[in-house]
Amino acid sequence: MTADCIFCKIAAEEISAKIVYESEDVLAFEDINPEAPVHLLIITKKHIKNIIELADYDSELFHNIGLAIKKLAADYQLDNGFRIVNNCGIAAGQSVNHLHFHLLAGRDLIWPPG
């Protein structure tokens, strides 16, 4: 845990969030500023700054993120489609330096994105 990381604080239950999924190493919750009718954040409980900092031994963690997304898609009945976004670095729009993925759905999502 990093003391100044908001996502670490959510994972440690120091800050409340509307949790929609939890496993041993992954947590998902509703985004407080949604960009779509369904906008969830899927985070690692372990503090990893971004996808570049994933280590070889984190392959199971990355797999578990995928399983969480699959379960959330089923739970929210996203049969019509959804988008997964991972911003890596300032130029890509990463505003919280903690590995996380956005799951967006519930409206038509245009391409290319912003």
PDB file of N, CA and C in Angstrom:
ATOM      1  N   MET A   1       0.849  -1.188   0.000  1.00  0.00           N
ATOM      2  CA  MET A   1       0.000   0.000   0.000  1.00  0.00           C
ATOM      3  C   MET A   1       0.882   1.236   0.000  1.00  0.00           C
ATOM      4  N   THR A   2       0.480   2.192  -0.800  1.00  0.00           N
ATOM      5  CA  THR A   2       1.140   3.480  -0.827  1.00  0.00           C
ATOM      6  C   THR A   2       0.239   4.474  -0.095  1.00  0.00           C
ATOM      7  N   ALA A   3       0.781   5.169   0.872  1.00  0.00           N
ATOM      8  CA  ALA A   3      -0.003   6.006   1.781  1.00  0.00           C
ATOM      9  C   ALA A   3      -0.828   7.087   1.081  1.00  0.00           C
ATOM     10  N   ASP A   4      -0.336   7.630  -0.029  1.00  0.00           N
ATOM     11  CA  ASP A   4      -1.046   8.729  -0.685  1.00  0.00           C
ATOM     12  C   ASP A   4      -1.881   8.276  -1.884  1.00  0.00           C
ATOM     13  N   CYS A   5      -2.059   6.985  -2.065  1.00  0.00           N
ATOM     14  CA  CYS A   5      -2.797   6.450  -3.214  1.00  0.00           C
ATOM     15  C   CYS A   5      -4.266   6.227  -2.852  1.00  0.00           C
ATOM     16  N   ILE A   6      -5.160   6.906  -3.543  1.00  0.00           N
ATOM     17  CA  ILE A   6      -6.591   6.788  -3.243  1.00  0.00           C
ATOM     18  C   ILE A   6      -7.097   5.361  -3.466  1.00  0.00           C
ATOM     19  N   PHE A   7      -6.579   4.669  -4.492  1.00  0.00           N
ATOM     20  CA  PHE A   7      -7.044   3.303  -4.737  1.00  0.00           C
ATOM     21  C   PHE A   7      -6.534   2.343  -3.667  1.00  0.00           C
ATOM     22  N   CYS A   8      -5.335   2.558  -3.162  1.00  0.00           N
ATOM     23  CA  CYS A   8      -4.846   1.750  -2.033  1.00  0.00           C
ATOM     24  C   CYS A   8      -5.739   1.958  -0.814  1.00  0.00           C
ATOM     25  N   LYS A   9      -6.169   3.196  -0.609  1.00  0.00           N
ATOM     26  CA  LYS A   9      -7.037   3.500   0.529  1.00  0.00           C
ATOM     27  C   LYS A   9      -8.408   2.857   0.367  1.00  0.00           C
ATOM     28  N   ILE A  10      -8.910   2.793  -0.853  1.00  0.00           N
ATOM     29  CA  ILE A  10     -10.185   2.101  -1.091  1.00  0.00           C
ATOM     30  C   ILE A  10     -10.011   0.611  -0.838  1.00  0.00           C
ATOM     31  N   ALA A  11      -8.918   0.030  -1.340  1.00  0.00           N
ATOM     32  CA  ALA A  11      -8.655  -1.400  -1.140  1.00  0.00           C
ATOM     33  C   ALA A  11      -8.500  -1.736   0.341  1.00  0.00           C
ATOM     34  N   ALA A  12      -7.942  -0.814   1.118  1.00  0.00           N
ATOM     35  CA  ALA A  12      -7.751  -1.016   2.554  1.00  0.00           C
ATOM     36  C   ALA A  12      -8.985  -0.614   3.369  1.00  0.00           C
ATOM     37  N   GLU A  13     -10.050  -0.217   2.686  1.00  0.00           N
ATOM     38  CA  GLU A  13     -11.304   0.204   3.314  1.00  0.00           C
ATOM     39  C   GLU A  13     -11.153   1.442   4.180  1.00  0.00           C
ATOM     40  N   GLU A  14     -10.170   2.279   3.856  1.00  0.00           N
ATOM     41  CA  GLU A  14     -10.004   3.559   4.541  1.00  0.00           C
ATOM     42  C   GLU A  14     -10.885   4.631   3.913  1.00  0.00           C
ATOM     43  N   ILE A  15     -11.241   4.427   2.651  1.00  0.00           N
ATOM     44  CA  ILE A  15     -12.151   5.310   1.925  1.00  0.00           C
ATOM     45  C   ILE A  15     -13.256   4.413   1.388  1.00  0.00           C
ATOM     46  N   SER A  16     -14.496   4.857   1.523  1.00  0.00           N
ATOM     47  CA  SER A  16     -15.607   4.017   1.059  1.00  0.00           C
ATOM     48  C   SER A  16     -15.799   4.149  -0.446  1.00  0.00           C
ATOM     49  N   ALA A  17     -16.297   3.084  -1.024  1.00  0.00           N
ATOM     50  CA  ALA A  17     -16.643   3.039  -2.443  1.00  0.00           C
ATOM     51  C   ALA A  17     -17.748   2.009  -2.596  1.00  0.00           C
ATOM     52  N   LYS A  18     -18.499   2.104  -3.669  1.00  0.00           N
ATOM     53  CA  LYS A  18     -19.545   1.119  -3.930  1.00  0.00           C
ATOM     54  C   LYS A  18     -18.894  -0.080  -4.617  1.00  0.00           C
ATOM     55  N   ILE A  19     -18.488  -1.047  -3.800  1.00  0.00           N
ATOM     56  CA  ILE A  19     -17.788  -2.243  -4.263  1.00  0.00           C
ATOM     57  C   ILE A  19     -18.786  -3.151  -4.983  1.00  0.00           C
ATOM     58  N   VAL A  20     -18.398  -3.624  -6.176  1.00  0.00           N
ATOM     59  CA  VAL A  20     -19.260  -4.521  -6.939  1.00  0.00           C
ATOM     60  C   VAL A  20     -18.611  -5.881  -7.176  1.00  0.00           C
ATOM     61  N   TYR A  21     -17.340  -6.001  -6.839  1.00  0.00           N
ATOM     62  CA  TYR A  21     -16.629  -7.279  -6.993  1.00  0.00           C
ATOM     63  C   TYR A  21     -15.395  -7.238  -6.100  1.00  0.00           C
ATOM     64  N   GLU A  22     -15.099  -8.384  -5.471  1.00  0.00           N
ATOM     65  CA  GLU A  22     -13.881  -8.470  -4.674  1.00  0.00           C
ATOM     66  C   GLU A  22     -13.387  -9.903  -4.665  1.00  0.00           C
ATOM     67  N   SER A  23     -12.094 -10.052  -4.873  1.00  0.00           N
ATOM     68  CA  SER A  23     -11.419 -11.336  -4.719  1.00  0.00           C
ATOM     69  C   SER A  23     -10.190 -11.080  -3.855  1.00  0.00           C
ATOM     70  N   GLU A  24      -9.358 -12.061  -3.738  1.00  0.00           N
ATOM     71  CA  GLU A  24      -8.157 -11.927  -2.913  1.00  0.00           C
ATOM     72  C   GLU A  24      -7.244 -10.804  -3.404  1.00  0.00           C
ATOM     73  N   ASP A  25      -7.177 -10.604  -4.715  1.00  0.00           N
ATOM     74  CA  ASP A  25      -6.212  -9.639  -5.236  1.00  0.00           C
ATOM     75  C   ASP A  25      -6.781  -8.588  -6.186  1.00  0.00           C
ATOM     76  N   VAL A  26      -8.098  -8.608  -6.411  1.00  0.00           N
ATOM     77  CA  VAL A  26      -8.739  -7.664  -7.336  1.00  0.00           C
ATOM     78  C   VAL A  26      -9.976  -7.071  -6.674  1.00  0.00           C
ATOM     79  N   LEU A  27     -10.219  -5.794  -6.955  1.00  0.00           N
ATOM     80  CA  LEU A  27     -11.379  -5.090  -6.418  1.00  0.00           C
ATOM     81  C   LEU A  27     -12.000  -4.281  -7.549  1.00  0.00           C
ATOM     82  N   ALA A  28     -13.325  -4.249  -7.609  1.00  0.00           N
ATOM     83  CA  ALA A  28     -14.018  -3.421  -8.597  1.00  0.00           C
ATOM     84  C   ALA A  28     -15.074  -2.592  -7.888  1.00  0.00           C
ATOM     85  N   PHE A  29     -15.212  -1.358  -8.342  1.00  0.00           N
ATOM     86  CA  PHE A  29     -16.179  -0.453  -7.736  1.00  0.00           C
ATOM     87  C   PHE A  29     -16.666   0.542  -8.779  1.00  0.00           C
ATOM     88  N   GLU A  30     -17.792   1.185  -8.476  1.00  0.00           N
ATOM     89  CA  GLU A  30     -18.371   2.169  -9.380  1.00  0.00           C
ATOM     90  C   GLU A  30     -17.526   3.440  -9.397  1.00  0.00           C
ATOM     91  N   ASP A  31     -17.329   3.982 -10.594  1.00  0.00           N
ATOM     92  CA  ASP A  31     -16.607   5.242 -10.746  1.00  0.00           C
ATOM     93  C   ASP A  31     -17.483   6.373 -10.202  1.00  0.00           C
ATOM     94  N   ILE A  32     -16.895   7.296  -9.469  1.00  0.00           N
ATOM     95  CA  ILE A  32     -17.685   8.393  -8.893  1.00  0.00           C
ATOM     96  C   ILE A  32     -18.025   9.470  -9.929  1.00  0.00           C
ATOM     97  N   ASN A  33     -17.337   9.465 -11.069  1.00  0.00           N
ATOM     98  CA  ASN A  33     -17.633  10.385 -12.175  1.00  0.00           C
ATOM     99  C   ASN A  33     -17.838   9.577 -13.449  1.00  0.00           C
ATOM    100  N   PRO A  34     -18.954   8.859 -13.544  1.00  0.00           N
ATOM    101  CA  PRO A  34     -19.135   7.934 -14.669  1.00  0.00           C
ATOM    102  C   PRO A  34     -19.204   8.622 -16.026  1.00  0.00           C
ATOM    103  N   GLU A  35     -18.582   7.972 -17.002  1.00  0.00           N
ATOM    104  CA  GLU A  35     -18.599   8.432 -18.388  1.00  0.00           C
ATOM    105  C   GLU A  35     -19.579   7.623 -19.232  1.00  0.00           C
ATOM    106  N   ALA A  36     -20.246   6.672 -18.617  1.00  0.00           N
ATOM    107  CA  ALA A  36     -21.237   5.825 -19.285  1.00  0.00           C
ATOM    108  C   ALA A  36     -22.197   5.312 -18.214  1.00  0.00           C
ATOM    109  N   PRO A  37     -23.362   4.821 -18.629  1.00  0.00           N
ATOM    110  CA  PRO A  37     -24.301   4.279 -17.637  1.00  0.00           C
ATOM    111  C   PRO A  37     -23.679   3.206 -16.742  1.00  0.00           C
ATOM    112  N   VAL A  38     -22.803   2.389 -17.310  1.00  0.00           N
ATOM    113  CA  VAL A  38     -22.007   1.456 -16.507  1.00  0.00           C
ATOM    114  C   VAL A  38     -20.568   1.929 -16.619  1.00  0.00           C
ATOM    115  N   HIS A  39     -19.975   2.292 -15.510  1.00  0.00           N
ATOM    116  CA  HIS A  39     -18.568   2.710 -15.476  1.00  0.00           C
ATOM    117  C   HIS A  39     -17.963   2.188 -14.182  1.00  0.00           C
ATOM    118  N   LEU A  40     -17.251   1.082 -14.312  1.00  0.00           N
ATOM    119  CA  LEU A  40     -16.627   0.441 -13.166  1.00  0.00           C
ATOM    120  C   LEU A  40     -15.119   0.576 -13.255  1.00  0.00           C
ATOM    121  N   LEU A  41     -14.474   0.616 -12.111  1.00  0.00           N
ATOM    122  CA  LEU A  41     -13.019   0.588 -12.037  1.00  0.00           C
ATOM    123  C   LEU A  41     -12.602  -0.747 -11.456  1.00  0.00           C
ATOM    124  N   ILE A  42     -11.680  -1.399 -12.125  1.00  0.00           N
ATOM    125  CA  ILE A  42     -11.148  -2.683 -11.661  1.00  0.00           C
ATOM    126  C   ILE A  42      -9.698  -2.432 -11.301  1.00  0.00           C
ATOM    127  N   ILE A  43      -9.351  -2.661 -10.035  1.00  0.00           N
ATOM    128  CA  ILE A  43      -8.000  -2.362  -9.562  1.00  0.00           C
ATOM    129  C   ILE A  43      -7.351  -3.612  -8.968  1.00  0.00           C
ATOM    130  N   THR A  44      -6.046  -3.564  -8.899  1.00  0.00           N
ATOM    131  CA  THR A  44      -5.292  -4.566  -8.153  1.00  0.00           C
ATOM    132  C   THR A  44      -5.257  -4.105  -6.705  1.00  0.00           C
ATOM    133  N   LYS A  45      -5.371  -5.024  -5.780  1.00  0.00           N
ATOM    134  CA  LYS A  45      -5.237  -4.641  -4.368  1.00  0.00           C
ATOM    135  C   LYS A  45      -3.786  -4.303  -4.054  1.00  0.00           C
ATOM    136  N   LYS A  46      -2.888  -4.969  -4.736  1.00  0.00           N
ATOM    137  CA  LYS A  46      -1.461  -4.693  -4.601  1.00  0.00           C
ATOM    138  C   LYS A  46      -1.164  -3.409  -5.377  1.00  0.00           C
ATOM    139  N   HIS A  47      -0.380  -2.518  -4.783  1.00  0.00           N
ATOM    140  CA  HIS A  47      -0.053  -1.275  -5.483  1.00  0.00           C
ATOM    141  C   HIS A  47       0.971  -1.551  -6.583  1.00  0.00           C
ATOM    142  N   ILE A  48       0.518  -1.328  -7.800  1.00  0.00           N
ATOM    143  CA  ILE A  48       1.372  -1.361  -8.979  1.00  0.00           C
ATOM    144  C   ILE A  48       1.056  -0.070  -9.714  1.00  0.00           C
ATOM    145  N   LYS A  49       2.060   0.706 -10.034  1.00  0.00           N
ATOM    146  CA  LYS A  49       1.845   2.035 -10.607  1.00  0.00           C
ATOM    147  C   LYS A  49       1.082   1.985 -11.926  1.00  0.00           C
ATOM    148  N   ASN A  50       1.480   1.115 -12.833  1.00  0.00           N
ATOM    149  CA  ASN A  50       0.811   1.006 -14.131  1.00  0.00           C
ATOM    150  C   ASN A  50       1.171  -0.332 -14.770  1.00  0.00           C
ATOM    151  N   ILE A  51       0.639  -0.574 -15.941  1.00  0.00           N
ATOM    152  CA  ILE A  51       0.819  -1.876 -16.584  1.00  0.00           C
ATOM    153  C   ILE A  51       2.289  -2.158 -16.918  1.00  0.00           C
ATOM    154  N   ILE A  52       3.063  -1.119 -17.123  1.00  0.00           N
ATOM    155  CA  ILE A  52       4.494  -1.278 -17.418  1.00  0.00           C
ATOM    156  C   ILE A  52       5.225  -1.886 -16.221  1.00  0.00           C
ATOM    157  N   GLU A  53       4.740  -1.622 -15.021  1.00  0.00           N
ATOM    158  CA  GLU A  53       5.396  -2.123 -13.823  1.00  0.00           C
ATOM    159  C   GLU A  53       4.960  -3.522 -13.402  1.00  0.00           C
ATOM    160  N   LEU A  54       4.093  -4.173 -14.200  1.00  0.00           N
ATOM    161  CA  LEU A  54       3.768  -5.566 -13.919  1.00  0.00           C
ATOM    162  C   LEU A  54       5.033  -6.407 -14.039  1.00  0.00           C
ATOM    163  N   ALA A  55       5.241  -7.279 -13.088  1.00  0.00           N
ATOM    164  CA  ALA A  55       6.403  -8.170 -13.114  1.00  0.00           C
ATOM    165  C   ALA A  55       5.998  -9.509 -13.722  1.00  0.00           C
ATOM    166  N   ASP A  56       6.996 -10.290 -14.116  1.00  0.00           N
ATOM    167  CA  ASP A  56       6.717 -11.619 -14.671  1.00  0.00           C
ATOM    168  C   ASP A  56       5.875 -12.448 -13.710  1.00  0.00           C
ATOM    169  N   TYR A  57       6.134 -12.305 -12.418  1.00  0.00           N
ATOM    170  CA  TYR A  57       5.393 -13.095 -11.433  1.00  0.00           C
ATOM    171  C   TYR A  57       3.974 -12.574 -11.211  1.00  0.00           C
ATOM    172  N   ASP A  58       3.580 -11.488 -11.871  1.00  0.00           N
ATOM    173  CA  ASP A  58       2.226 -10.948 -11.752  1.00  0.00           C
ATOM    174  C   ASP A  58       1.268 -11.519 -12.803  1.00  0.00           C
ATOM    175  N   SER A  59       1.688 -12.557 -13.526  1.00  0.00           N
ATOM    176  CA  SER A  59       0.832 -13.084 -14.598  1.00  0.00           C
ATOM    177  C   SER A  59      -0.495 -13.607 -14.050  1.00  0.00           C
ATOM    178  N   GLU A  60      -0.489 -14.238 -12.895  1.00  0.00           N
ATOM    179  CA  GLU A  60      -1.735 -14.732 -12.313  1.00  0.00           C
ATOM    180  C   GLU A  60      -2.640 -13.567 -11.925  1.00  0.00           C
ATOM    181  N   LEU A  61      -2.057 -12.497 -11.425  1.00  0.00           N
ATOM    182  CA  LEU A  61      -2.830 -11.300 -11.072  1.00  0.00           C
ATOM    183  C   LEU A  61      -3.510 -10.740 -12.316  1.00  0.00           C
ATOM    184  N   PHE A  62      -2.782 -10.658 -13.415  1.00  0.00           N
ATOM    185  CA  PHE A  62      -3.354 -10.137 -14.654  1.00  0.00           C
ATOM    186  C   PHE A  62      -4.484 -11.051 -15.139  1.00  0.00           C
ATOM    187  N   HIS A  63      -4.285 -12.344 -14.999  1.00  0.00           N
ATOM    188  CA  HIS A  63      -5.325 -13.318 -15.346  1.00  0.00           C
ATOM    189  C   HIS A  63      -6.569 -13.086 -14.473  1.00  0.00           C
ATOM    190  N   ASN A  64      -6.376 -12.841 -13.198  1.00  0.00           N
ATOM    191  CA  ASN A  64      -7.492 -12.624 -12.280  1.00  0.00           C
ATOM    192  C   ASN A  64      -8.257 -11.338 -12.595  1.00  0.00           C
ATOM    193  N   ILE A  65      -7.563 -10.347 -13.119  1.00  0.00           N
ATOM    194  CA  ILE A  65      -8.246  -9.128 -13.572  1.00  0.00           C
ATOM    195  C   ILE A  65      -9.184  -9.486 -14.721  1.00  0.00           C
ATOM    196  N   GLY A  66      -8.698 -10.295 -15.651  1.00  0.00           N
ATOM    197  CA  GLY A  66      -9.538 -10.737 -16.759  1.00  0.00           C
ATOM    198  C   GLY A  66     -10.753 -11.513 -16.297  1.00  0.00           C
ATOM    199  N   LEU A  67     -10.571 -12.385 -15.318  1.00  0.00           N
ATOM    200  CA  LEU A  67     -11.700 -13.144 -14.771  1.00  0.00           C
ATOM    201  C   LEU A  67     -12.712 -12.223 -14.088  1.00  0.00           C
ATOM    202  N   ALA A  68     -12.224 -11.201 -13.403  1.00  0.00           N
ATOM    203  CA  ALA A  68     -13.116 -10.226 -12.761  1.00  0.00           C
ATOM    204  C   ALA A  68     -13.942  -9.498 -13.816  1.00  0.00           C
ATOM    205  N   ILE A  69     -13.293  -9.080 -14.903  1.00  0.00           N
ATOM    206  CA  ILE A  69     -14.003  -8.383 -15.978  1.00  0.00           C
ATOM    207  C   ILE A  69     -15.062  -9.302 -16.584  1.00  0.00           C
ATOM    208  N   LYS A  70     -14.704 -10.550 -16.810  1.00  0.00           N
ATOM    209  CA  LYS A  70     -15.655 -11.516 -17.367  1.00  0.00           C
ATOM    210  C   LYS A  70     -16.876 -11.663 -16.454  1.00  0.00           C
ATOM    211  N   LYS A  71     -16.660 -11.777 -15.144  1.00  0.00           N
ATOM    212  CA  LYS A  71     -17.758 -11.920 -14.194  1.00  0.00           C
ATOM    213  C   LYS A  71     -18.614 -10.660 -14.155  1.00  0.00           C
ATOM    214  N   LEU A  72     -17.979  -9.497 -14.151  1.00  0.00           N
ATOM    215  CA  LEU A  72     -18.728  -8.247 -14.122  1.00  0.00           C
ATOM    216  C   LEU A  72     -19.578  -8.088 -15.381  1.00  0.00           C
ATOM    217  N   ALA A  73     -19.037  -8.463 -16.531  1.00  0.00           N
ATOM    218  CA  ALA A  73     -19.797  -8.390 -17.782  1.00  0.00           C
ATOM    219  C   ALA A  73     -21.036  -9.273 -17.700  1.00  0.00           C
ATOM    220  N   ALA A  74     -20.898 -10.450 -17.095  1.00  0.00           N
ATOM    221  CA  ALA A  74     -22.049 -11.343 -16.927  1.00  0.00           C
ATOM    222  C   ALA A  74     -23.031 -10.770 -15.907  1.00  0.00           C
ATOM    223  N   ASP A  75     -22.523 -10.289 -14.772  1.00  0.00           N
ATOM    224  CA  ASP A  75     -23.377  -9.747 -13.716  1.00  0.00           C
ATOM    225  C   ASP A  75     -24.200  -8.557 -14.204  1.00  0.00           C
ATOM    226  N   TYR A  76     -23.584  -7.705 -15.032  1.00  0.00           N
ATOM    227  CA  TYR A  76     -24.253  -6.512 -15.539  1.00  0.00           C
ATOM    228  C   TYR A  76     -24.958  -6.759 -16.868  1.00  0.00           C
ATOM    229  N   GLN A  77     -24.952  -8.018 -17.323  1.00  0.00           N
ATOM    230  CA  GLN A  77     -25.616  -8.424 -18.568  1.00  0.00           C
ATOM    231  C   GLN A  77     -25.189  -7.550 -19.745  1.00  0.00           C
ATOM    232  N   LEU A  78     -23.893  -7.477 -19.954  1.00  0.00           N
ATOM    233  CA  LEU A  78     -23.332  -6.624 -20.996  1.00  0.00           C
ATOM    234  C   LEU A  78     -23.153  -7.384 -22.315  1.00  0.00           C
ATOM    235  N   ASP A  79     -24.170  -8.172 -22.657  1.00  0.00           N
ATOM    236  CA  ASP A  79     -24.125  -8.989 -23.865  1.00  0.00           C
ATOM    237  C   ASP A  79     -24.006  -8.148 -25.133  1.00  0.00           C
ATOM    238  N   ASN A  80     -24.454  -6.912 -25.082  1.00  0.00           N
ATOM    239  CA  ASN A  80     -24.421  -6.034 -26.242  1.00  0.00           C
ATOM    240  C   ASN A  80     -23.046  -5.425 -26.476  1.00  0.00           C
ATOM    241  N   GLY A  81     -22.149  -5.561 -25.504  1.00  0.00           N
ATOM    242  CA  GLY A  81     -20.791  -5.051 -25.668  1.00  0.00           C
ATOM    243  C   GLY A  81     -20.376  -4.122 -24.545  1.00  0.00           C
ATOM    244  N   PHE A  82     -19.086  -3.994 -24.429  1.00  0.00           N
ATOM    245  CA  PHE A  82     -18.494  -3.111 -23.427  1.00  0.00           C
ATOM    246  C   PHE A  82     -17.078  -2.772 -23.868  1.00  0.00           C
ATOM    247  N   ARG A  83     -16.491  -1.805 -23.213  1.00  0.00           N
ATOM    248  CA  ARG A  83     -15.117  -1.395 -23.509  1.00  0.00           C
ATOM    249  C   ARG A  83     -14.309  -1.468 -22.220  1.00  0.00           C
ATOM    250  N   ILE A  84     -13.072  -1.943 -22.363  1.00  0.00           N
ATOM    251  CA  ILE A  84     -12.104  -1.938 -21.271  1.00  0.00           C
ATOM    252  C   ILE A  84     -11.016  -0.940 -21.640  1.00  0.00           C
ATOM    253  N   VAL A  85     -10.713  -0.022 -20.728  1.00  0.00           N
ATOM    254  CA  VAL A  85      -9.710   1.010 -20.973  1.00  0.00           C
ATOM    255  C   VAL A  85      -8.666   0.965 -19.876  1.00  0.00           C
ATOM    256  N   ASN A  86      -7.406   1.042 -20.289  1.00  0.00           N
ATOM    257  CA  ASN A  86      -6.303   1.182 -19.344  1.00  0.00           C
ATOM    258  C   ASN A  86      -5.437   2.336 -19.823  1.00  0.00           C
ATOM    259  N   ASN A  87      -5.412   3.407 -19.054  1.00  0.00           N
ATOM    260  CA  ASN A  87      -4.563   4.549 -19.372  1.00  0.00           C
ATOM    261  C   ASN A  87      -3.224   4.354 -18.686  1.00  0.00           C
ATOM    262  N   CYS A  88      -2.157   4.463 -19.447  1.00  0.00           N
ATOM    263  CA  CYS A  88      -0.815   4.242 -18.897  1.00  0.00           C
ATOM    264  C   CYS A  88       0.036   5.484 -19.123  1.00  0.00           C
ATOM    265  N   GLY A  89       0.225   6.255 -18.073  1.00  0.00           N
ATOM    266  CA  GLY A  89       1.033   7.464 -18.153  1.00  0.00           C
ATOM    267  C   GLY A  89       0.193   8.723 -18.314  1.00  0.00           C
ATOM    268  N   ILE A  90       0.805   9.831 -18.031  1.00  0.00           N
ATOM    269  CA  ILE A  90       0.130  11.130 -18.049  1.00  0.00           C
ATOM    270  C   ILE A  90      -0.434  11.457 -19.427  1.00  0.00           C
ATOM    271  N   ALA A  91       0.348  11.241 -20.480  1.00  0.00           N
ATOM    272  CA  ALA A  91      -0.097  11.581 -21.837  1.00  0.00           C
ATOM    273  C   ALA A  91      -1.312  10.761 -22.260  1.00  0.00           C
ATOM    274  N   ALA A  92      -1.494   9.597 -21.658  1.00  0.00           N
ATOM    275  CA  ALA A  92      -2.647   8.748 -21.976  1.00  0.00           C
ATOM    276  C   ALA A  92      -3.845   9.051 -21.084  1.00  0.00           C
ATOM    277  N   GLY A  93      -3.673   9.930 -20.108  1.00  0.00           N
ATOM    278  CA  GLY A  93      -4.779  10.308 -19.236  1.00  0.00           C
ATOM    279  C   GLY A  93      -4.832   9.576 -17.911  1.00  0.00           C
ATOM    280  N   GLN A  94      -3.757   8.876 -17.545  1.00  0.00           N
ATOM    281  CA  GLN A  94      -3.751   8.199 -16.240  1.00  0.00           C
ATOM    282  C   GLN A  94      -3.677   9.258 -15.148  1.00  0.00           C
ATOM    283  N   SER A  95      -4.730   9.330 -14.338  1.00  0.00           N
ATOM    284  CA  SER A  95      -4.777  10.353 -13.290  1.00  0.00           C
ATOM    285  C   SER A  95      -4.517   9.780 -11.898  1.00  0.00           C
ATOM    286  N   VAL A  96      -4.618   8.461 -11.751  1.00  0.00           N
ATOM    287  CA  VAL A  96      -4.299   7.802 -10.489  1.00  0.00           C
ATOM    288  C   VAL A  96      -3.197   6.787 -10.792  1.00  0.00           C
ATOM    289  N   ASN A  97      -2.065   6.953 -10.133  1.00  0.00           N
ATOM    290  CA  ASN A  97      -0.908   6.081 -10.380  1.00  0.00           C
ATOM    291  C   ASN A  97      -1.043   4.761  -9.630  1.00  0.00           C
ATOM    292  N   HIS A  98      -2.035   4.000 -10.037  1.00  0.00           N
ATOM    293  CA  HIS A  98      -2.316   2.667  -9.501  1.00  0.00           C
ATOM    294  C   HIS A  98      -2.963   1.913 -10.659  1.00  0.00           C
ATOM    295  N   LEU A  99      -2.457   0.737 -10.971  1.00  0.00           N
ATOM    296  CA  LEU A  99      -2.975  -0.040 -12.087  1.00  0.00           C
ATOM    297  C   LEU A  99      -4.483  -0.222 -11.958  1.00  0.00           C
ATOM    298  N   HIS A 100      -5.205   0.197 -12.984  1.00  0.00           N
ATOM    299  CA  HIS A 100      -6.652   0.052 -12.982  1.00  0.00           C
ATOM    300  C   HIS A 100      -7.181   0.032 -14.411  1.00  0.00           C
ATOM    301  N   PHE A 101      -8.361  -0.554 -14.538  1.00  0.00           N
ATOM    302  CA  PHE A 101      -9.036  -0.664 -15.812  1.00  0.00           C
ATOM    303  C   PHE A 101     -10.442  -0.101 -15.657  1.00  0.00           C
ATOM    304  N   HIS A 102     -10.883   0.600 -16.683  1.00  0.00           N
ATOM    305  CA  HIS A 102     -12.245   1.116 -16.721  1.00  0.00           C
ATOM    306  C   HIS A 102     -13.080   0.143 -17.545  1.00  0.00           C
ATOM    307  N   LEU A 103     -14.217  -0.251 -17.040  1.00  0.00           N
ATOM    308  CA  LEU A 103     -15.193  -1.034 -17.799  1.00  0.00           C
ATOM    309  C   LEU A 103     -16.345  -0.087 -18.091  1.00  0.00           C
ATOM    310  N   LEU A 104     -16.572   0.185 -19.369  1.00  0.00           N
ATOM    311  CA  LEU A 104     -17.589   1.133 -19.802  1.00  0.00           C
ATOM    312  C   LEU A 104     -18.628   0.424 -20.651  1.00  0.00           C
ATOM    313  N   ALA A 105     -19.896   0.713 -20.415  1.00  0.00           N
ATOM    314  CA  ALA A 105     -20.980   0.092 -21.181  1.00  0.00           C
ATOM    315  C   ALA A 105     -22.273   0.856 -20.951  1.00  0.00           C
ATOM    316  N   GLY A 106     -23.306   0.428 -21.671  1.00  0.00           N
ATOM    317  CA  GLY A 106     -24.628   0.998 -21.469  1.00  0.00           C
ATOM    318  C   GLY A 106     -24.978   2.104 -22.434  1.00  0.00           C
ATOM    319  N   ARG A 107     -24.076   2.411 -23.349  1.00  0.00           N
ATOM    320  CA  ARG A 107     -24.343   3.375 -24.418  1.00  0.00           C
ATOM    321  C   ARG A 107     -23.431   3.020 -25.576  1.00  0.00           C
ATOM    322  N   ASP A 108     -23.713   3.570 -26.739  1.00  0.00           N
ATOM    323  CA  ASP A 108     -22.834   3.359 -27.877  1.00  0.00           C
ATOM    324  C   ASP A 108     -21.520   4.085 -27.613  1.00  0.00           C
ATOM    325  N   LEU A 109     -20.427   3.376 -27.773  1.00  0.00           N
ATOM    326  CA  LEU A 109     -19.102   3.936 -27.540  1.00  0.00           C
ATOM    327  C   LEU A 109     -18.442   4.179 -28.905  1.00  0.00           C
ATOM    328  N   ILE A 110     -18.079   5.417 -29.151  1.00  0.00           N
ATOM    329  CA  ILE A 110     -17.540   5.790 -30.461  1.00  0.00           C
ATOM    330  C   ILE A 110     -16.076   5.387 -30.598  1.00  0.00           C
ATOM    331  N   TRP A 111     -15.618   5.323 -31.849  1.00  0.00           N
ATOM    332  CA  TRP A 111     -14.216   5.052 -32.149  1.00  0.00           C
ATOM    333  C   TRP A 111     -13.776   5.995 -33.247  1.00  0.00           C
ATOM    334  N   PRO A 112     -12.634   6.615 -33.163  1.00  0.00           N
ATOM    335  CA  PRO A 112     -11.687   6.427 -32.074  1.00  0.00           C
ATOM    336  C   PRO A 112     -12.113   7.185 -30.833  1.00  0.00           C
ATOM    337  N   PRO A 113     -11.671   6.689 -29.663  1.00  0.00           N
ATOM    338  CA  PRO A 113     -12.007   7.391 -28.410  1.00  0.00           C
ATOM    339  C   PRO A 113     -11.192   8.677 -28.321  1.00  0.00           C
ATOM    340  N   GLY A 114     -11.678   9.602 -27.508  1.00  0.00           N
ATOM    341  CA  GLY A 114     -11.056  10.888 -27.247  1.00  0.00           C
ATOM    342  C   GLY A 114      -9.692  11.124 -27.546  1.00  0.00           C
TER     343      GLY A 114
END
